[in-house]
Amino acid sequence: MKPMLQKITTISQLGECGFGQPWPRHGLKLLYWFAKDCIWINDDDMFLACDPAKEVFGFHLFENRFTKHKKKLLPDVEFPYYLLGNLNSPGADMLPNYIKAHNTYQQDHNNADRIIVTAHGEQRFGKIYMTTHKDQSSFDPYATFHISRSLLKNIKSFQNLEDFLQTVGYQDLVFQMAMLEATCDVSTDTDTPSRNCVCSCTIL
């Protein structure tokens, strides 16, 4: 049975659902960029600042086909779906370096996360989803979520990426190494200081 799509409306729900985690997955960074740079708000309505139909930033059509289990990932809608997040797609080189930094250019898990949007006239968009590949050819319906506009507005309000990632509970390798360094006990009892490091953090 196909699971019902969960609607993610808060930052805490975003952290709990597991999208874009653990490091080095790029989904949360992609979502931050999308909220900050790819939408704009006017009189409490929201519009796309980039045109998916032009296939900028790696956008491309998503064909909501039946799976081998005769189910579709998303509901049928009147307007086309566009997929964002494949770092190997034409145009994805336009994305910020903080999204692309750990791309191996392979079909591995650090390039598994995607955002899916519908777009229609006057740069308006309909529902927005986030999902993750479960293999090279299909997405995981249990890791597919509907994103609320209130969540996008919340993400857009963050002043920088680091604050957003820390709030949502994502720790990249640089932060984890800093935490490891902070747990090191520096001994100066000898002429050559030594460090006794006891790691209280987990490298994800």
N, C-alpha and C. Protein backbone atom coordinates (compact mmCIF):
# COMPACT_ATOMS: atom_id res chain seq x y z
N MET A 1 0.84 -1.20 0.00
CA MET A 1 0.00 0.00 0.00
C MET A 1 0.87 1.25 0.00
N LYS A 2 0.53 2.18 -0.87
CA LYS A 2 1.29 3.43 -0.94
C LYS A 2 1.01 4.28 0.29
N PRO A 3 2.06 4.78 0.97
CA PRO A 3 1.83 5.60 2.17
C PRO A 3 1.23 6.95 1.81
N MET A 4 0.46 7.51 2.75
CA MET A 4 -0.07 8.86 2.57
C MET A 4 1.06 9.86 2.72
N LEU A 5 1.05 10.88 1.87
CA LEU A 5 2.11 11.89 1.94
C LEU A 5 1.96 12.72 3.20
N GLN A 6 3.03 12.79 3.97
CA GLN A 6 3.03 13.63 5.16
C GLN A 6 3.34 15.06 4.77
N LYS A 7 2.61 16.00 5.37
CA LYS A 7 2.86 17.42 5.12
C LYS A 7 3.79 17.95 6.21
N ILE A 8 4.93 18.50 5.80
CA ILE A 8 5.91 19.04 6.74
C ILE A 8 5.67 20.54 6.86
N THR A 9 5.35 20.99 8.07
CA THR A 9 4.98 22.39 8.27
C THR A 9 5.92 23.15 9.21
N THR A 10 6.76 22.45 9.96
CA THR A 10 7.63 23.11 10.93
C THR A 10 9.08 22.65 10.78
N ILE A 11 9.99 23.42 11.31
CA ILE A 11 11.41 23.07 11.28
C ILE A 11 11.66 21.78 12.05
N SER A 12 10.98 21.60 13.17
CA SER A 12 11.18 20.38 13.95
C SER A 12 10.73 19.15 13.18
N GLN A 13 9.61 19.25 12.46
CA GLN A 13 9.17 18.13 11.63
C GLN A 13 10.17 17.86 10.51
N LEU A 14 10.75 18.92 9.96
CA LEU A 14 11.75 18.76 8.91
C LEU A 14 12.95 17.98 9.43
N GLY A 15 13.39 18.30 10.64
CA GLY A 15 14.52 17.57 11.21
C GLY A 15 14.18 16.13 11.53
N GLU A 16 12.94 15.88 11.96
CA GLU A 16 12.54 14.54 12.35
C GLU A 16 12.29 13.62 11.17
N CYS A 17 11.92 14.18 10.01
CA CYS A 17 11.56 13.32 8.88
C CYS A 17 12.77 12.68 8.21
N GLY A 18 13.98 13.22 8.46
CA GLY A 18 15.20 12.61 7.96
C GLY A 18 15.62 13.06 6.57
N PHE A 19 14.88 13.96 5.95
CA PHE A 19 15.25 14.40 4.61
C PHE A 19 16.60 15.10 4.63
N GLY A 20 17.47 14.75 3.67
CA GLY A 20 18.76 15.41 3.53
C GLY A 20 19.78 15.06 4.58
N GLN A 21 19.55 14.02 5.36
CA GLN A 21 20.48 13.65 6.41
C GLN A 21 20.83 12.17 6.27
N PRO A 22 22.01 11.75 6.74
CA PRO A 22 23.08 12.53 7.37
C PRO A 22 24.04 13.10 6.33
N TRP A 23 25.07 13.80 6.80
CA TRP A 23 26.13 14.30 5.95
C TRP A 23 26.72 13.13 5.18
N PRO A 24 27.04 13.27 3.87
CA PRO A 24 27.13 14.52 3.10
C PRO A 24 25.93 14.79 2.19
N ARG A 25 24.76 14.28 2.52
CA ARG A 25 23.59 14.52 1.67
C ARG A 25 23.31 16.01 1.54
N HIS A 26 22.79 16.41 0.40
CA HIS A 26 22.69 17.84 0.07
C HIS A 26 21.27 18.39 0.11
N GLY A 27 20.29 17.57 0.48
CA GLY A 27 18.90 17.99 0.37
C GLY A 27 18.51 19.21 1.19
N LEU A 28 19.00 19.30 2.41
CA LEU A 28 18.65 20.45 3.26
C LEU A 28 19.27 21.74 2.73
N LYS A 29 20.49 21.63 2.22
CA LYS A 29 21.14 22.81 1.62
C LYS A 29 20.40 23.23 0.36
N LEU A 30 19.93 22.27 -0.41
CA LEU A 30 19.14 22.55 -1.61
C LEU A 30 17.83 23.24 -1.23
N LEU A 31 17.19 22.74 -0.18
CA LEU A 31 15.92 23.33 0.26
C LEU A 31 16.12 24.76 0.76
N TYR A 32 17.22 25.00 1.47
CA TYR A 32 17.53 26.36 1.94
C TYR A 32 17.70 27.30 0.75
N TRP A 33 18.48 26.88 -0.25
CA TRP A 33 18.68 27.72 -1.43
C TRP A 33 17.35 27.98 -2.15
N PHE A 34 16.53 26.94 -2.29
CA PHE A 34 15.26 27.09 -2.98
C PHE A 34 14.39 28.13 -2.28
N ALA A 35 14.30 28.04 -0.95
CA ALA A 35 13.47 28.98 -0.20
C ALA A 35 14.03 30.41 -0.26
N LYS A 36 15.35 30.54 -0.18
CA LYS A 36 15.97 31.87 -0.13
C LYS A 36 16.03 32.55 -1.49
N ASP A 37 16.37 31.77 -2.54
CA ASP A 37 16.70 32.38 -3.82
C ASP A 37 15.74 32.06 -4.95
N CYS A 38 14.90 31.05 -4.77
CA CYS A 38 14.07 30.62 -5.89
C CYS A 38 12.60 30.94 -5.70
N ILE A 39 12.24 31.56 -4.58
CA ILE A 39 10.88 32.04 -4.40
C ILE A 39 10.92 33.48 -3.90
N TRP A 40 9.86 34.21 -4.21
CA TRP A 40 9.70 35.55 -3.65
C TRP A 40 8.26 35.73 -3.21
N ILE A 41 8.06 36.61 -2.24
CA ILE A 41 6.76 36.78 -1.60
C ILE A 41 6.25 38.19 -1.88
N ASN A 42 4.98 38.28 -2.27
CA ASN A 42 4.34 39.57 -2.52
C ASN A 42 2.91 39.51 -1.98
N ASP A 43 2.63 40.38 -1.00
CA ASP A 43 1.31 40.39 -0.37
C ASP A 43 0.90 39.02 0.11
N ASP A 44 1.84 38.33 0.74
CA ASP A 44 1.63 37.02 1.33
C ASP A 44 1.40 35.92 0.31
N ASP A 45 1.54 36.23 -0.98
CA ASP A 45 1.50 35.19 -2.00
C ASP A 45 2.93 34.88 -2.42
N MET A 46 3.15 33.68 -2.96
CA MET A 46 4.50 33.25 -3.27
C MET A 46 4.62 32.94 -4.75
N PHE A 47 5.79 33.28 -5.32
CA PHE A 47 6.05 33.10 -6.73
C PHE A 47 7.43 32.49 -6.92
N LEU A 48 7.63 31.87 -8.07
CA LEU A 48 8.94 31.34 -8.42
C LEU A 48 9.81 32.43 -9.01
N ALA A 49 11.00 32.58 -8.48
CA ALA A 49 11.94 33.56 -9.01
C ALA A 49 12.78 32.98 -10.14
N CYS A 50 12.70 31.68 -10.34
CA CYS A 50 13.39 31.03 -11.45
C CYS A 50 12.38 30.18 -12.21
N ASP A 51 12.56 30.09 -13.50
CA ASP A 51 11.59 29.42 -14.36
C ASP A 51 12.04 27.98 -14.62
N PRO A 52 11.37 26.99 -14.00
CA PRO A 52 11.78 25.59 -14.20
C PRO A 52 11.71 25.15 -15.65
N ALA A 53 10.78 25.74 -16.42
CA ALA A 53 10.62 25.34 -17.82
C ALA A 53 11.86 25.66 -18.65
N LYS A 54 12.69 26.61 -18.19
CA LYS A 54 13.92 26.95 -18.89
C LYS A 54 15.08 26.04 -18.49
N GLU A 55 14.80 25.13 -17.56
CA GLU A 55 15.78 24.14 -17.11
C GLU A 55 17.05 24.78 -16.54
N VAL A 56 16.87 25.92 -15.87
CA VAL A 56 17.98 26.53 -15.16
C VAL A 56 18.20 25.78 -13.85
N PHE A 57 19.42 25.85 -13.32
CA PHE A 57 19.79 25.24 -12.04
C PHE A 57 19.58 23.72 -12.03
N GLY A 58 19.41 23.13 -13.19
CA GLY A 58 19.22 21.68 -13.23
C GLY A 58 17.78 21.23 -13.17
N PHE A 59 16.83 22.17 -13.18
CA PHE A 59 15.41 21.79 -13.26
C PHE A 59 15.17 20.99 -14.53
N HIS A 60 14.32 19.98 -14.44
CA HIS A 60 13.88 19.28 -15.64
C HIS A 60 12.53 18.62 -15.35
N LEU A 61 11.82 18.28 -16.40
CA LEU A 61 10.49 17.69 -16.25
C LEU A 61 10.55 16.39 -15.46
N PHE A 62 9.56 16.21 -14.61
CA PHE A 62 9.41 14.96 -13.88
C PHE A 62 8.14 14.28 -14.36
N GLU A 63 8.30 13.12 -14.94
CA GLU A 63 7.16 12.35 -15.43
C GLU A 63 6.67 11.45 -14.30
N ASN A 64 5.51 11.79 -13.80
CA ASN A 64 4.94 11.10 -12.65
C ASN A 64 4.33 9.76 -13.10
N ARG A 65 5.21 8.84 -13.46
CA ARG A 65 4.76 7.59 -14.06
C ARG A 65 4.35 6.58 -13.00
N PHE A 66 3.60 5.58 -13.47
CA PHE A 66 3.27 4.46 -12.61
C PHE A 66 4.54 3.65 -12.31
N THR A 67 4.66 3.21 -11.08
CA THR A 67 5.76 2.34 -10.71
C THR A 67 5.40 0.89 -11.07
N LYS A 68 6.32 0.00 -10.82
CA LYS A 68 6.04 -1.42 -11.09
C LYS A 68 4.93 -1.95 -10.21
N HIS A 69 4.61 -1.21 -9.13
CA HIS A 69 3.51 -1.60 -8.25
C HIS A 69 2.22 -0.87 -8.62
N LYS A 70 2.20 -0.25 -9.80
CA LYS A 70 1.01 0.42 -10.33
C LYS A 70 0.58 1.61 -9.48
N LYS A 71 1.56 2.27 -8.87
CA LYS A 71 1.31 3.46 -8.07
C LYS A 71 2.13 4.62 -8.60
N LYS A 72 1.63 5.84 -8.41
CA LYS A 72 2.40 7.03 -8.76
C LYS A 72 2.94 7.68 -7.50
N LEU A 73 4.12 8.29 -7.63
CA LEU A 73 4.74 8.92 -6.47
C LEU A 73 3.89 10.08 -5.96
N LEU A 74 3.35 10.89 -6.89
CA LEU A 74 2.61 12.10 -6.54
C LEU A 74 1.22 12.08 -7.17
N PRO A 75 0.30 12.91 -6.65
CA PRO A 75 -1.03 12.99 -7.25
C PRO A 75 -0.96 13.57 -8.66
N ASP A 76 -1.88 13.17 -9.50
CA ASP A 76 -1.99 13.77 -10.83
C ASP A 76 -2.49 15.20 -10.70
N VAL A 77 -1.87 16.12 -11.43
CA VAL A 77 -2.27 17.52 -11.40
C VAL A 77 -2.36 18.04 -12.83
N GLU A 78 -2.95 19.22 -12.97
CA GLU A 78 -3.15 19.80 -14.30
C GLU A 78 -1.86 20.32 -14.91
N PHE A 79 -0.93 20.76 -14.07
CA PHE A 79 0.30 21.39 -14.54
C PHE A 79 1.48 20.42 -14.42
N PRO A 80 2.55 20.67 -15.18
CA PRO A 80 3.70 19.74 -15.15
C PRO A 80 4.48 19.83 -13.85
N TYR A 81 5.09 18.70 -13.50
CA TYR A 81 6.02 18.65 -12.38
C TYR A 81 7.43 18.89 -12.91
N TYR A 82 8.23 19.60 -12.09
CA TYR A 82 9.64 19.80 -12.41
C TYR A 82 10.48 19.32 -11.23
N LEU A 83 11.58 18.66 -11.57
CA LEU A 83 12.46 18.06 -10.58
C LEU A 83 13.73 18.89 -10.45
N LEU A 84 14.21 19.05 -9.23
CA LEU A 84 15.42 19.82 -8.94
C LEU A 84 16.29 19.04 -7.97
N GLY A 85 17.60 19.03 -8.21
CA GLY A 85 18.50 18.46 -7.21
C GLY A 85 19.52 17.48 -7.73
N ASN A 86 19.36 16.99 -8.95
CA ASN A 86 20.37 16.09 -9.51
C ASN A 86 21.59 16.92 -9.89
N LEU A 87 22.66 16.76 -9.16
CA LEU A 87 23.84 17.59 -9.36
C LEU A 87 24.57 17.28 -10.66
N ASN A 88 24.16 16.20 -11.32
CA ASN A 88 24.77 15.84 -12.59
C ASN A 88 23.94 16.28 -13.79
N SER A 89 22.80 16.96 -13.53
CA SER A 89 21.95 17.40 -14.62
C SER A 89 22.51 18.65 -15.30
N PRO A 90 22.25 18.84 -16.59
CA PRO A 90 22.64 20.09 -17.25
C PRO A 90 22.04 21.30 -16.52
N GLY A 91 22.87 22.30 -16.27
CA GLY A 91 22.41 23.50 -15.57
C GLY A 91 22.63 23.46 -14.08
N ALA A 92 22.88 22.28 -13.50
CA ALA A 92 23.07 22.19 -12.05
C ALA A 92 24.35 22.88 -11.59
N ASP A 93 25.26 23.14 -12.53
CA ASP A 93 26.49 23.86 -12.16
C ASP A 93 26.21 25.30 -11.75
N MET A 94 24.97 25.77 -12.00
CA MET A 94 24.58 27.12 -11.59
C MET A 94 24.23 27.18 -10.10
N LEU A 95 24.05 26.03 -9.47
CA LEU A 95 23.73 26.01 -8.04
C LEU A 95 24.94 26.46 -7.23
N PRO A 96 24.72 26.98 -6.01
CA PRO A 96 25.84 27.44 -5.18
C PRO A 96 26.80 26.31 -4.83
N ASN A 97 28.03 26.68 -4.57
CA ASN A 97 29.05 25.70 -4.24
C ASN A 97 28.73 24.93 -2.96
N TYR A 98 28.03 25.56 -2.01
CA TYR A 98 27.75 24.86 -0.76
C TYR A 98 26.81 23.67 -0.98
N ILE A 99 26.09 23.66 -2.08
CA ILE A 99 25.25 22.51 -2.42
C ILE A 99 26.07 21.45 -3.15
N LYS A 100 26.96 21.90 -4.01
CA LYS A 100 27.71 20.98 -4.88
C LYS A 100 28.99 20.45 -4.26
N ALA A 101 29.36 20.94 -3.09
CA ALA A 101 30.71 20.72 -2.55
C ALA A 101 31.11 19.26 -2.45
N HIS A 102 30.18 18.38 -2.11
CA HIS A 102 30.55 16.99 -1.87
C HIS A 102 30.00 16.05 -2.94
N ASN A 103 29.73 16.59 -4.12
CA ASN A 103 29.26 15.75 -5.21
C ASN A 103 30.39 14.88 -5.74
N THR A 104 30.15 13.58 -5.80
CA THR A 104 31.16 12.65 -6.31
C THR A 104 30.96 12.36 -7.79
N TYR A 105 29.89 12.93 -8.37
CA TYR A 105 29.55 12.68 -9.78
C TYR A 105 29.25 11.20 -10.04
N GLN A 106 28.85 10.51 -8.98
CA GLN A 106 28.43 9.12 -9.10
C GLN A 106 26.97 9.03 -8.67
N GLN A 107 26.34 7.89 -8.96
CA GLN A 107 24.97 7.67 -8.53
C GLN A 107 24.98 7.12 -7.10
N ASP A 108 25.42 7.96 -6.17
CA ASP A 108 25.47 7.51 -4.79
C ASP A 108 24.54 8.37 -3.93
N HIS A 109 24.57 8.11 -2.62
CA HIS A 109 23.55 8.70 -1.76
C HIS A 109 23.74 10.18 -1.51
N ASN A 110 24.92 10.73 -1.77
CA ASN A 110 25.09 12.16 -1.52
C ASN A 110 24.43 13.00 -2.60
N ASN A 111 23.89 12.35 -3.63
CA ASN A 111 23.18 13.06 -4.69
C ASN A 111 21.77 12.47 -4.87
N ALA A 112 21.19 12.04 -3.76
CA ALA A 112 19.91 11.31 -3.83
C ALA A 112 18.69 12.20 -3.60
N ASP A 113 18.86 13.37 -3.02
CA ASP A 113 17.71 14.19 -2.61
C ASP A 113 17.21 15.07 -3.75
N ARG A 114 15.89 15.28 -3.79
CA ARG A 114 15.28 16.08 -4.84
C ARG A 114 14.14 16.95 -4.28
N ILE A 115 13.88 18.05 -4.97
CA ILE A 115 12.69 18.87 -4.76
C ILE A 115 11.86 18.80 -6.03
N ILE A 116 10.54 18.68 -5.88
CA ILE A 116 9.64 18.61 -7.02
C ILE A 116 8.60 19.72 -6.89
N VAL A 117 8.41 20.50 -7.95
CA VAL A 117 7.45 21.60 -7.92
C VAL A 117 6.53 21.53 -9.13
N THR A 118 5.36 22.14 -9.01
CA THR A 118 4.51 22.38 -10.17
C THR A 118 4.55 23.87 -10.47
N ALA A 119 4.54 24.21 -11.73
CA ALA A 119 4.61 25.62 -12.12
C ALA A 119 3.58 25.90 -13.20
N HIS A 120 2.98 27.11 -13.14
CA HIS A 120 2.05 27.51 -14.18
C HIS A 120 2.17 29.01 -14.41
N GLY A 121 1.17 29.63 -14.99
CA GLY A 121 1.28 31.01 -15.46
C GLY A 121 1.73 32.01 -14.41
N GLU A 122 2.39 33.05 -14.88
CA GLU A 122 2.84 34.18 -14.06
C GLU A 122 3.76 33.73 -12.92
N GLN A 123 4.54 32.70 -13.18
CA GLN A 123 5.54 32.20 -12.24
C GLN A 123 4.93 31.73 -10.93
N ARG A 124 3.67 31.40 -10.97
CA ARG A 124 3.05 30.82 -9.77
C ARG A 124 3.40 29.33 -9.69
N PHE A 125 3.40 28.81 -8.49
CA PHE A 125 3.63 27.39 -8.36
C PHE A 125 2.59 26.80 -7.43
N GLY A 126 2.39 25.51 -7.60
CA GLY A 126 1.42 24.80 -6.78
C GLY A 126 2.10 24.15 -5.60
N LYS A 127 1.91 22.86 -5.46
CA LYS A 127 2.49 22.16 -4.32
C LYS A 127 3.98 21.87 -4.56
N ILE A 128 4.67 21.74 -3.45
CA ILE A 128 6.11 21.46 -3.48
C ILE A 128 6.37 20.22 -2.64
N TYR A 129 7.22 19.35 -3.18
CA TYR A 129 7.53 18.11 -2.49
C TYR A 129 9.05 17.95 -2.38
N MET A 130 9.46 17.16 -1.42
CA MET A 130 10.85 16.73 -1.34
C MET A 130 10.86 15.21 -1.26
N THR A 131 11.83 14.61 -1.91
CA THR A 131 11.89 13.16 -1.98
C THR A 131 13.33 12.70 -2.10
N THR A 132 13.53 11.39 -2.04
CA THR A 132 14.87 10.81 -2.07
C THR A 132 14.85 9.53 -2.91
N HIS A 133 15.88 9.37 -3.72
CA HIS A 133 16.02 8.13 -4.50
C HIS A 133 16.21 6.94 -3.56
N LYS A 134 15.51 5.84 -3.85
CA LYS A 134 15.80 4.60 -3.14
C LYS A 134 16.70 3.70 -3.97
N ASP A 135 16.75 3.95 -5.27
CA ASP A 135 17.71 3.31 -6.17
C ASP A 135 17.90 4.25 -7.35
N GLN A 136 18.60 3.82 -8.36
CA GLN A 136 18.94 4.72 -9.47
C GLN A 136 17.73 5.10 -10.32
N SER A 137 16.66 4.35 -10.25
CA SER A 137 15.54 4.59 -11.15
C SER A 137 14.24 4.99 -10.48
N SER A 138 14.17 4.94 -9.16
CA SER A 138 12.90 5.23 -8.50
C SER A 138 13.11 5.96 -7.18
N PHE A 139 12.04 6.66 -6.76
CA PHE A 139 12.07 7.40 -5.51
C PHE A 139 11.36 6.61 -4.41
N ASP A 140 11.72 6.92 -3.19
CA ASP A 140 11.17 6.22 -2.03
C ASP A 140 9.88 6.90 -1.60
N PRO A 141 8.72 6.25 -1.73
CA PRO A 141 7.46 6.89 -1.32
C PRO A 141 7.41 7.15 0.18
N TYR A 142 8.16 6.39 0.96
CA TYR A 142 8.19 6.60 2.41
C TYR A 142 9.12 7.75 2.80
N ALA A 143 9.88 8.26 1.84
CA ALA A 143 10.77 9.41 2.08
C ALA A 143 10.36 10.57 1.18
N THR A 144 9.06 10.66 0.88
CA THR A 144 8.51 11.73 0.05
C THR A 144 7.53 12.54 0.89
N PHE A 145 7.70 13.86 0.90
CA PHE A 145 6.94 14.72 1.80
C PHE A 145 6.43 15.96 1.06
N HIS A 146 5.27 16.41 1.46
CA HIS A 146 4.70 17.67 0.96
C HIS A 146 5.21 18.80 1.84
N ILE A 147 5.78 19.83 1.26
CA ILE A 147 6.32 20.97 2.00
C ILE A 147 5.28 22.08 2.04
N SER A 148 4.99 22.58 3.21
CA SER A 148 4.03 23.69 3.33
C SER A 148 4.69 25.02 2.97
N ARG A 149 3.88 25.96 2.57
CA ARG A 149 4.41 27.29 2.26
C ARG A 149 4.87 28.00 3.53
N SER A 150 4.20 27.71 4.64
CA SER A 150 4.64 28.32 5.90
C SER A 150 6.05 27.85 6.27
N LEU A 151 6.39 26.61 5.96
CA LEU A 151 7.74 26.13 6.22
C LEU A 151 8.74 26.85 5.33
N LEU A 152 8.40 27.04 4.05
CA LEU A 152 9.29 27.78 3.15
C LEU A 152 9.54 29.19 3.65
N LYS A 153 8.50 29.85 4.14
CA LYS A 153 8.66 31.20 4.68
C LYS A 153 9.56 31.19 5.91
N ASN A 154 9.40 30.15 6.73
CA ASN A 154 10.23 30.02 7.93
C ASN A 154 11.69 29.86 7.53
N ILE A 155 11.95 28.97 6.56
CA ILE A 155 13.32 28.76 6.09
C ILE A 155 13.88 30.05 5.50
N LYS A 156 13.06 30.76 4.76
CA LYS A 156 13.49 32.00 4.12
C LYS A 156 13.91 33.06 5.14
N SER A 157 13.37 32.97 6.36
CA SER A 157 13.66 33.97 7.38
C SER A 157 15.03 33.78 8.03
N PHE A 158 15.66 32.63 7.84
CA PHE A 158 16.99 32.41 8.43
C PHE A 158 18.01 33.31 7.75
N GLN A 159 18.90 33.88 8.55
CA GLN A 159 19.89 34.83 8.03
C GLN A 159 21.01 34.14 7.27
N ASN A 160 21.33 32.90 7.64
CA ASN A 160 22.41 32.21 6.94
C ASN A 160 22.18 30.70 6.99
N LEU A 161 22.91 30.00 6.13
CA LEU A 161 22.77 28.56 6.01
C LEU A 161 23.14 27.84 7.30
N GLU A 162 24.21 28.29 7.97
CA GLU A 162 24.70 27.60 9.15
C GLU A 162 23.64 27.59 10.25
N ASP A 163 22.94 28.71 10.45
CA ASP A 163 21.89 28.77 11.48
C ASP A 163 20.76 27.80 11.14
N PHE A 164 20.40 27.75 9.87
CA PHE A 164 19.33 26.85 9.45
C PHE A 164 19.72 25.39 9.69
N LEU A 165 20.92 25.00 9.25
CA LEU A 165 21.35 23.62 9.40
C LEU A 165 21.46 23.22 10.87
N GLN A 166 21.97 24.13 11.67
CA GLN A 166 22.09 23.82 13.10
C GLN A 166 20.72 23.67 13.74
N THR A 167 19.77 24.51 13.36
CA THR A 167 18.43 24.44 13.93
C THR A 167 17.72 23.16 13.54
N VAL A 168 17.92 22.73 12.30
CA VAL A 168 17.24 21.53 11.83
C VAL A 168 17.95 20.25 12.28
N GLY A 169 19.17 20.39 12.82
CA GLY A 169 19.88 19.24 13.37
C GLY A 169 20.85 18.58 12.43
N TYR A 170 21.23 19.28 11.36
CA TYR A 170 22.18 18.74 10.39
C TYR A 170 23.59 19.17 10.78
N GLN A 171 24.50 18.23 10.83
CA GLN A 171 25.89 18.54 11.17
C GLN A 171 26.78 18.08 10.03
N ASP A 172 27.43 19.04 9.38
CA ASP A 172 28.35 18.64 8.32
C ASP A 172 29.70 18.30 8.92
N LEU A 173 30.60 17.81 8.10
CA LEU A 173 31.87 17.29 8.59
C LEU A 173 32.70 18.36 9.27
N VAL A 174 32.69 19.59 8.76
CA VAL A 174 33.48 20.66 9.36
C VAL A 174 33.02 20.92 10.79
N PHE A 175 31.69 20.97 10.98
CA PHE A 175 31.16 21.20 12.32
C PHE A 175 31.51 20.04 13.24
N GLN A 176 31.40 18.81 12.73
CA GLN A 176 31.70 17.65 13.55
C GLN A 176 33.17 17.62 13.96
N MET A 177 34.06 18.00 13.04
CA MET A 177 35.48 18.02 13.38
C MET A 177 35.77 19.10 14.41
N ALA A 178 35.04 20.21 14.33
CA ALA A 178 35.21 21.27 15.32
C ALA A 178 34.76 20.78 16.70
N MET A 179 33.68 20.00 16.73
CA MET A 179 33.21 19.44 17.99
C MET A 179 34.24 18.45 18.55
N LEU A 180 34.86 17.67 17.66
CA LEU A 180 35.89 16.73 18.09
C LEU A 180 37.08 17.48 18.67
N GLU A 181 37.48 18.56 18.02
CA GLU A 181 38.60 19.37 18.49
C GLU A 181 38.30 19.95 19.86
N ALA A 182 37.03 20.33 20.07
CA ALA A 182 36.66 20.96 21.34
C ALA A 182 36.72 20.00 22.51
N THR A 183 36.64 18.69 22.23
CA THR A 183 36.68 17.71 23.31
C THR A 183 38.11 17.28 23.66
N CYS A 184 39.11 17.78 22.94
CA CYS A 184 40.49 17.39 23.19
C CYS A 184 41.03 18.09 24.43
N ASP A 185 41.63 17.33 25.33
CA ASP A 185 42.24 17.86 26.54
C ASP A 185 43.72 18.11 26.28
N VAL A 186 44.11 19.40 26.27
CA VAL A 186 45.50 19.73 25.99
C VAL A 186 46.31 19.69 27.29
N SER A 187 47.34 18.83 27.32
CA SER A 187 48.19 18.69 28.50
C SER A 187 49.47 19.48 28.31
N THR A 188 49.81 20.31 29.30
CA THR A 188 51.04 21.14 29.22
C THR A 188 52.01 20.78 30.34
N ASP A 189 51.88 19.55 30.86
CA ASP A 189 52.77 19.14 31.95
C ASP A 189 54.19 18.86 31.49
N THR A 190 54.41 18.73 30.21
CA THR A 190 55.73 18.46 29.67
C THR A 190 56.13 19.56 28.71
N ASP A 191 57.41 19.50 28.27
CA ASP A 191 57.88 20.50 27.33
C ASP A 191 57.15 20.42 26.00
N THR A 192 56.64 19.23 25.66
CA THR A 192 55.91 19.05 24.41
C THR A 192 54.45 18.78 24.72
N PRO A 193 53.60 19.79 24.56
CA PRO A 193 52.18 19.60 24.88
C PRO A 193 51.60 18.44 24.09
N SER A 194 50.76 17.65 24.75
CA SER A 194 50.09 16.54 24.08
C SER A 194 48.59 16.68 24.28
N ARG A 195 47.86 16.00 23.42
CA ARG A 195 46.40 16.07 23.50
C ARG A 195 45.83 14.69 23.75
N ASN A 196 44.98 14.63 24.76
CA ASN A 196 44.24 13.40 25.02
C ASN A 196 42.81 13.65 24.60
N CYS A 197 42.48 13.14 23.44
CA CYS A 197 41.18 13.45 22.87
C CYS A 197 40.19 12.35 23.17
N VAL A 198 39.11 12.76 23.80
CA VAL A 198 38.01 11.84 24.05
C VAL A 198 36.82 12.32 23.24
N CYS A 199 36.47 11.56 22.24
CA CYS A 199 35.42 11.99 21.32
C CYS A 199 34.05 11.73 21.91
N SER A 200 33.26 12.78 22.08
CA SER A 200 31.89 12.63 22.56
C SER A 200 30.89 12.88 21.46
N CYS A 201 31.38 12.96 20.20
CA CYS A 201 30.49 13.20 19.08
C CYS A 201 30.56 12.01 18.13
N THR A 202 29.63 11.97 17.22
CA THR A 202 29.56 10.87 16.27
C THR A 202 29.75 11.42 14.87
N ILE A 203 30.68 10.86 14.13
CA ILE A 203 30.87 11.23 12.74
C ILE A 203 29.85 10.47 11.90
N LEU A 204 28.89 11.20 11.35
CA LEU A 204 27.78 10.56 10.63
C LEU A 204 28.19 10.17 9.23
